[in-house]
């Protein structure tokens, strides 16, 4: 197989990515006062797939702003039903009239809601227009109804290699909210992780990609976004975050040539023996077993 098999959307891909955080909060839990998420039994840090996909969405939106086919469906403060309704306006489908296709029924079941073949057309339009729909999938059965899409690219929660110590630090404000409090010093809180190295995994299904129209350009953009999105997401609360590793296992067979867990276990980050408390990426060594890969599988190290 060629060096660029990881750009081939007709192949299955399983991948491991490593990122770290220093003196920041990678993903606060609103049910815990926005403290960094943890597994309470092991105290390993957690970062949700939703958080990581948000970074990727933001990068794609910024880097391809205004380009057809690269809009983002899941946007902050943007009603989903508005975008779904735009699909039927663009397709010139009147959801207040009887369906043109008699196989969908002579009368509309409910005004303003698509049915039958209209849903299939709406779903196809949404996949064509929105990068995140054809990548991650979406539930679009609300409002005008464009059905559901199962995306070819799926991510898991990321988990820190070692236990983390979430810190809840006190801060002071030199300004106040109300005029009557001008002589009062206000206090605040800031939650951080001193250091944590996180490991996440992902999976690409070529058969679902064929259904959503996800192509080679989309796959190349995804790999680029996963590498670059951390620099676009800078904030004081995030601290210093960076992608430290990206390892892609590509299969010759679209169904896969080996179980994903067997391949993913070949990437093993671990703390160095002489390190007590880790505070930087240099405190870790990433072992990658790239010898004797199963037949039909190649490993590409994009970062690492």
Protein backbone atom coordinates (compact mmCIF):
# COMPACT_ATOMS: atom_id res chain seq x y z
CA UNK A 1 0.00 0.00 0.00
CA UNK A 2 1.13 3.56 -0.68
CA UNK A 3 2.18 6.11 1.92
CA UNK A 4 -1.14 7.96 1.62
CA UNK A 5 -3.48 5.13 2.52
CA UNK A 6 -4.67 7.21 5.48
CA UNK A 7 -6.23 9.60 2.90
CA UNK A 8 -8.27 6.78 1.32
CA UNK A 9 -11.97 6.95 2.35
CA UNK A 10 -12.61 3.46 0.94
CA UNK A 11 -10.47 1.88 3.67
CA UNK A 12 -11.14 1.39 7.35
CA UNK A 13 -8.95 3.45 9.67
CA UNK A 14 -8.43 3.12 13.43
CA UNK A 15 -6.34 5.76 15.16
CA UNK A 16 -4.85 6.83 18.48
CA UNK A 17 -4.25 10.46 19.40
CA UNK A 18 -2.41 11.89 22.38
CA UNK A 19 -2.76 15.40 23.76
CA UNK A 20 -1.71 17.09 26.94
CA UNK A 21 -2.68 20.02 29.14
CA UNK A 22 -0.51 22.10 31.41
CA UNK A 23 -2.01 24.45 34.01
CA UNK A 24 -5.44 24.47 32.38
CA UNK A 25 -8.88 22.91 32.33
CA UNK A 26 -9.27 20.70 29.25
CA UNK A 27 -12.97 19.97 29.75
CA UNK A 28 -14.90 21.27 32.75
CA UNK A 29 -17.87 19.42 34.23
CA UNK A 30 -20.81 21.83 34.80
CA UNK A 31 -22.28 19.44 37.38
CA UNK A 32 -19.10 19.70 39.45
CA UNK A 33 -18.54 23.44 39.51
CA UNK A 34 -16.68 23.23 36.17
CA UNK A 35 -13.87 21.17 37.70
CA UNK A 36 -11.91 19.02 35.22
CA UNK A 37 -13.75 15.77 34.53
CA UNK A 38 -12.41 12.69 36.30
CA UNK A 39 -13.14 9.02 36.77
CA UNK A 40 -13.87 8.98 40.52
CA UNK A 41 -12.57 5.43 40.96
CA UNK A 42 -9.16 5.98 39.35
CA UNK A 43 -8.93 9.80 39.32
CA UNK A 44 -7.89 9.64 35.68
CA UNK A 45 -8.92 12.73 33.76
CA UNK A 46 -11.63 12.54 31.10
CA UNK A 47 -12.31 14.67 28.03
CA UNK A 48 -15.56 14.01 26.16
CA UNK A 49 -15.80 13.25 22.46
CA UNK A 50 -18.17 16.23 22.21
CA UNK A 51 -15.42 18.56 23.43
CA UNK A 52 -12.91 17.27 20.88
CA UNK A 53 -15.42 17.39 18.02
CA UNK A 54 -16.23 20.99 18.96
CA UNK A 55 -12.60 21.94 18.39
CA UNK A 56 -12.60 20.18 15.01
CA UNK A 57 -15.87 21.86 13.98
CA UNK A 58 -14.50 25.29 14.92
CA UNK A 59 -11.32 24.73 12.92
CA UNK A 60 -13.18 23.59 9.81
CA UNK A 61 -15.58 26.53 10.06
CA UNK A 62 -12.69 29.00 10.41
CA UNK A 63 -10.46 27.51 7.74
CA UNK A 64 -13.22 26.96 5.15
CA UNK A 65 -15.56 29.82 6.01
CA UNK A 66 -18.00 30.53 3.19
CA UNK A 67 -16.94 27.55 1.10
CA UNK A 68 -19.77 25.43 -0.19
CA UNK A 69 -20.04 22.06 1.49
CA UNK A 70 -18.03 23.04 4.56
CA UNK A 71 -20.62 24.75 6.71
CA UNK A 72 -21.14 23.46 10.26
CA UNK A 73 -24.54 22.21 11.45
CA UNK A 74 -23.85 22.25 15.21
CA UNK A 75 -23.16 25.93 15.90
CA UNK A 76 -23.31 27.96 19.06
CA UNK A 77 -26.62 29.83 19.43
CA UNK A 78 -27.91 28.59 16.06
CA UNK A 79 -31.23 26.72 16.07
CA UNK A 80 -30.92 23.33 14.37
CA UNK A 81 -34.44 23.51 12.97
CA UNK A 82 -33.50 26.68 11.06
CA UNK A 83 -30.79 24.80 9.17
CA UNK A 84 -33.07 21.82 8.57
CA UNK A 85 -35.79 24.11 7.21
CA UNK A 86 -33.22 25.72 4.89
CA UNK A 87 -32.71 22.32 3.27
CA UNK A 88 -36.31 22.14 2.10
CA UNK A 89 -36.27 25.75 0.96
CA UNK A 90 -33.17 25.03 -1.15
CA UNK A 91 -34.82 21.89 -2.54
CA UNK A 92 -37.99 23.88 -3.32
CA UNK A 93 -40.11 21.47 -1.29
CA UNK A 94 -43.25 23.06 0.15
CA UNK A 95 -43.93 21.38 3.48
CA UNK A 96 -47.32 23.05 3.76
CA UNK A 97 -48.69 21.46 0.60
CA UNK A 98 -49.51 17.85 -0.22
CA UNK A 99 -46.41 15.78 -1.09
CA UNK A 100 -45.61 15.74 -4.80
CA UNK A 101 -44.68 12.07 -4.60
CA UNK A 102 -47.92 10.14 -4.17
CA UNK A 103 -46.03 7.26 -2.60
CA UNK A 104 -45.55 9.56 0.40
CA UNK A 105 -49.32 9.84 0.84
CA UNK A 106 -51.90 12.06 -0.85
CA UNK A 107 -52.08 14.31 2.21
CA UNK A 108 -49.32 15.61 4.40
CA UNK A 109 -49.37 13.91 7.78
CA UNK A 110 -48.53 17.16 9.54
CA UNK A 111 -47.96 20.58 8.06
CA UNK A 112 -44.35 21.75 8.14
CA UNK A 113 -42.89 18.27 8.59
CA UNK A 114 -41.30 16.27 5.79
CA UNK A 115 -42.23 12.68 5.10
CA UNK A 116 -41.23 9.76 2.88
CA UNK A 117 -38.90 10.57 0.02
CA UNK A 118 -38.71 14.20 1.16
CA UNK A 119 -36.74 13.12 4.21
CA UNK A 120 -34.26 11.23 2.05
CA UNK A 121 -33.76 14.33 -0.11
CA UNK A 122 -33.39 16.57 2.92
CA UNK A 123 -30.88 14.22 4.53
CA UNK A 124 -28.80 14.09 1.35
CA UNK A 125 -28.78 17.91 1.12
CA UNK A 126 -27.68 18.23 4.74
CA UNK A 127 -24.80 15.79 4.17
CA UNK A 128 -23.73 17.72 1.09
CA UNK A 129 -23.77 21.12 2.79
CA UNK A 130 -22.48 20.40 6.31
CA UNK A 131 -19.05 18.91 6.98
CA UNK A 132 -19.90 17.78 10.50
CA UNK A 133 -23.08 15.98 9.37
CA UNK A 134 -21.29 13.84 6.80
CA UNK A 135 -18.35 13.32 9.20
CA UNK A 136 -19.86 12.73 12.64
CA UNK A 137 -23.51 12.22 11.75
CA UNK A 138 -26.48 14.06 13.26
CA UNK A 139 -29.99 13.65 14.61
CA UNK A 140 -32.11 15.89 12.36
CA UNK A 141 -35.55 14.43 13.05
CA UNK A 142 -36.70 17.57 14.89
CA UNK A 143 -38.78 20.37 13.37
CA UNK A 144 -39.03 19.98 9.57
CA UNK A 145 -37.39 16.53 9.92
CA UNK A 146 -34.40 15.47 7.82
CA UNK A 147 -34.02 12.10 9.50
CA UNK A 148 -30.83 10.81 11.10
CA UNK A 149 -27.30 10.28 9.82
CA UNK A 150 -24.74 7.91 11.32
CA UNK A 151 -21.36 9.43 10.60
CA UNK A 152 -18.30 7.46 9.47
CA UNK A 153 -15.95 9.15 11.96
CA UNK A 154 -16.44 8.23 15.61
CA UNK A 155 -14.39 9.28 18.64
CA UNK A 156 -14.30 8.02 22.21
CA UNK A 157 -13.78 9.88 25.48
CA UNK A 158 -10.10 10.63 26.02
CA UNK A 159 -8.61 9.40 29.30
CA UNK A 160 -5.42 10.55 31.02
CA UNK A 161 -2.58 8.06 31.26
CA UNK A 162 -2.13 8.70 34.98
CA UNK A 163 -4.37 10.09 37.72
CA UNK A 164 -4.71 13.87 37.68
CA UNK A 165 -5.07 16.34 40.53
CA UNK A 166 -7.85 18.85 39.76
CA UNK A 167 -7.06 22.12 41.53
CA UNK A 168 -9.71 24.67 42.45
CA UNK A 169 -7.78 27.90 42.95
CA UNK A 170 -8.99 31.17 44.43
CA UNK A 171 -8.57 34.36 42.45
CA UNK A 172 -9.40 38.00 43.22
CA UNK A 173 -11.13 40.59 41.05
CA UNK A 174 -10.04 44.23 41.05
CA UNK A 175 -13.36 45.17 39.50
CA UNK A 176 -16.90 44.68 40.78
CA UNK A 177 -20.28 44.21 39.18
CA UNK A 178 -22.40 46.77 41.07
CA UNK A 179 -21.52 50.38 41.99
CA UNK A 180 -22.43 49.83 45.65
CA UNK A 181 -19.69 47.16 45.87
CA UNK A 182 -16.83 49.40 44.72
CA UNK A 183 -14.98 49.10 48.04
CA UNK A 184 -15.39 45.34 48.22
CA UNK A 185 -12.83 42.87 46.89
CA UNK A 186 -14.58 40.05 45.07
CA UNK A 187 -13.30 36.50 44.95
CA UNK A 188 -13.53 33.94 42.18
CA UNK A 189 -12.45 30.40 41.35
CA UNK A 190 -10.31 28.90 38.64
CA UNK A 191 -10.00 25.15 38.05
CA UNK A 192 -6.89 23.66 36.47
CA UNK A 193 -4.97 20.44 35.95
CA UNK A 194 -1.25 20.96 36.71
CA UNK A 195 -0.40 18.42 33.99
CA UNK A 196 -2.11 15.56 32.22
CA UNK A 197 -1.37 13.45 29.14
CA UNK A 198 -4.57 12.11 27.56
CA UNK A 199 -5.14 9.24 25.12
CA UNK A 200 -8.13 9.10 22.79
CA UNK A 201 -9.05 6.74 19.97
CA UNK A 202 -11.16 7.03 16.85
CA UNK A 203 -12.61 4.90 14.10
CA UNK A 204 -13.43 5.52 10.44
CA UNK A 205 -16.03 3.38 8.65
CA UNK A 206 -15.75 3.55 4.82
CA UNK A 207 -19.22 2.09 4.24
CA UNK A 208 -20.85 4.87 6.23
CA UNK A 209 -18.62 7.36 4.40
CA UNK A 210 -20.11 6.20 1.10
CA UNK A 211 -23.59 6.85 2.49
CA UNK A 212 -22.84 10.42 3.64
CA UNK A 213 -20.63 11.44 0.70
CA UNK A 214 -17.51 11.78 2.87
CA UNK A 215 -14.58 11.80 0.41
CA UNK A 216 -10.78 11.93 0.33
CA UNK A 217 -10.72 15.72 0.68
CA UNK A 218 -12.89 15.47 3.79
CA UNK A 219 -10.59 12.83 5.28
CA UNK A 220 -7.50 14.96 4.62
CA UNK A 221 -9.25 17.93 6.21
CA UNK A 222 -10.16 15.87 9.28
CA UNK A 223 -6.56 14.79 9.88
CA UNK A 224 -5.40 18.39 9.46
CA UNK A 225 -8.13 19.70 11.77
CA UNK A 226 -7.28 17.17 14.48
CA UNK A 227 -3.69 18.37 14.40
CA UNK A 228 -4.33 22.13 14.17
CA UNK A 229 -7.52 22.71 16.17
CA UNK A 230 -5.67 23.00 19.49
CA UNK A 231 -3.96 26.20 18.37
CA UNK A 232 -7.28 27.76 17.39
CA UNK A 233 -8.85 26.95 20.75
CA UNK A 234 -6.50 28.96 22.94
CA UNK A 235 -7.91 30.56 26.08
CA UNK A 236 -6.71 31.40 29.58
CA UNK A 237 -8.84 28.62 31.04
CA UNK A 238 -7.45 25.99 28.65
CA UNK A 239 -3.85 26.51 29.75
CA UNK A 240 -1.31 25.02 27.37
CA UNK A 241 -2.77 22.20 25.27
CA UNK A 242 -1.10 20.44 22.36
CA UNK A 243 -1.46 17.34 20.22
CA UNK A 244 1.46 15.07 21.03
CA UNK A 245 0.73 12.03 18.89
CA UNK A 246 -1.46 10.81 16.03
CA UNK A 247 -1.11 7.22 14.84
CA UNK A 248 -3.34 5.89 12.05
CA UNK A 249 -3.80 2.18 11.31
CA UNK A 250 -5.17 1.76 7.77
CA UNK A 251 -6.73 -1.47 6.54
CA UNK A 252 -6.57 -2.90 3.04
CA UNK A 253 -10.01 -4.45 3.51
CA UNK A 254 -12.87 -2.02 4.05
CA UNK A 255 -14.20 -4.40 6.73
CA UNK A 256 -10.81 -4.43 8.40
CA UNK A 257 -7.86 -6.80 8.46
CA UNK A 258 -7.55 -6.97 12.26
CA UNK A 259 -9.59 -6.06 15.35
CA UNK A 260 -9.25 -2.40 16.31
CA UNK A 261 -8.22 -3.05 19.93
CA UNK A 262 -5.34 -5.26 18.82
CA UNK A 263 -3.94 -2.42 16.74
CA UNK A 264 -4.66 0.42 19.16
CA UNK A 265 -2.88 -1.43 21.98
CA UNK A 266 0.33 -1.12 19.97
CA UNK A 267 0.56 2.54 20.99
CA UNK A 268 1.59 2.56 24.67
CA UNK A 269 2.43 5.86 26.37
CA UNK A 270 3.93 5.49 29.83
CA UNK A 271 5.59 7.62 32.47
CA UNK A 272 9.36 7.27 32.70
CA UNK A 273 10.62 5.18 35.60
CA UNK A 274 12.66 8.02 37.10
CA UNK A 275 9.68 10.42 37.20
CA UNK A 276 7.67 10.79 40.39
CA UNK A 277 5.15 13.50 39.50
CA UNK A 278 4.79 14.31 35.80
CA UNK A 279 4.71 17.96 34.75
CA UNK A 280 5.62 17.80 31.05
CA UNK A 281 5.42 15.55 28.00
CA UNK A 282 9.13 14.79 28.33
CA UNK A 283 8.26 12.83 31.48
CA UNK A 284 6.67 10.20 29.22
CA UNK A 285 7.83 7.77 26.57
CA UNK A 286 5.50 6.57 23.81
CA UNK A 287 6.24 3.04 22.65
CA UNK A 288 4.86 2.13 19.23
CA UNK A 289 5.00 -1.50 18.08
CA UNK A 290 5.11 -1.15 14.30
CA UNK A 291 6.81 -4.49 13.58
CA UNK A 292 4.87 -7.58 12.48
CA UNK A 293 1.67 -5.71 11.70
CA UNK A 294 -1.21 -7.93 10.55
CA UNK A 295 -1.33 -8.53 6.80
CA UNK A 296 -3.11 -5.70 5.01
CA UNK A 297 -2.55 -3.12 7.77
CA UNK A 298 -0.20 -0.14 7.61
CA UNK A 299 0.67 2.34 10.35
CA UNK A 300 1.18 6.03 9.58
CA UNK A 301 2.55 8.32 12.26
CA UNK A 302 1.23 11.79 11.51
CA UNK A 303 2.41 13.29 14.81
CA UNK A 304 4.91 11.68 17.15
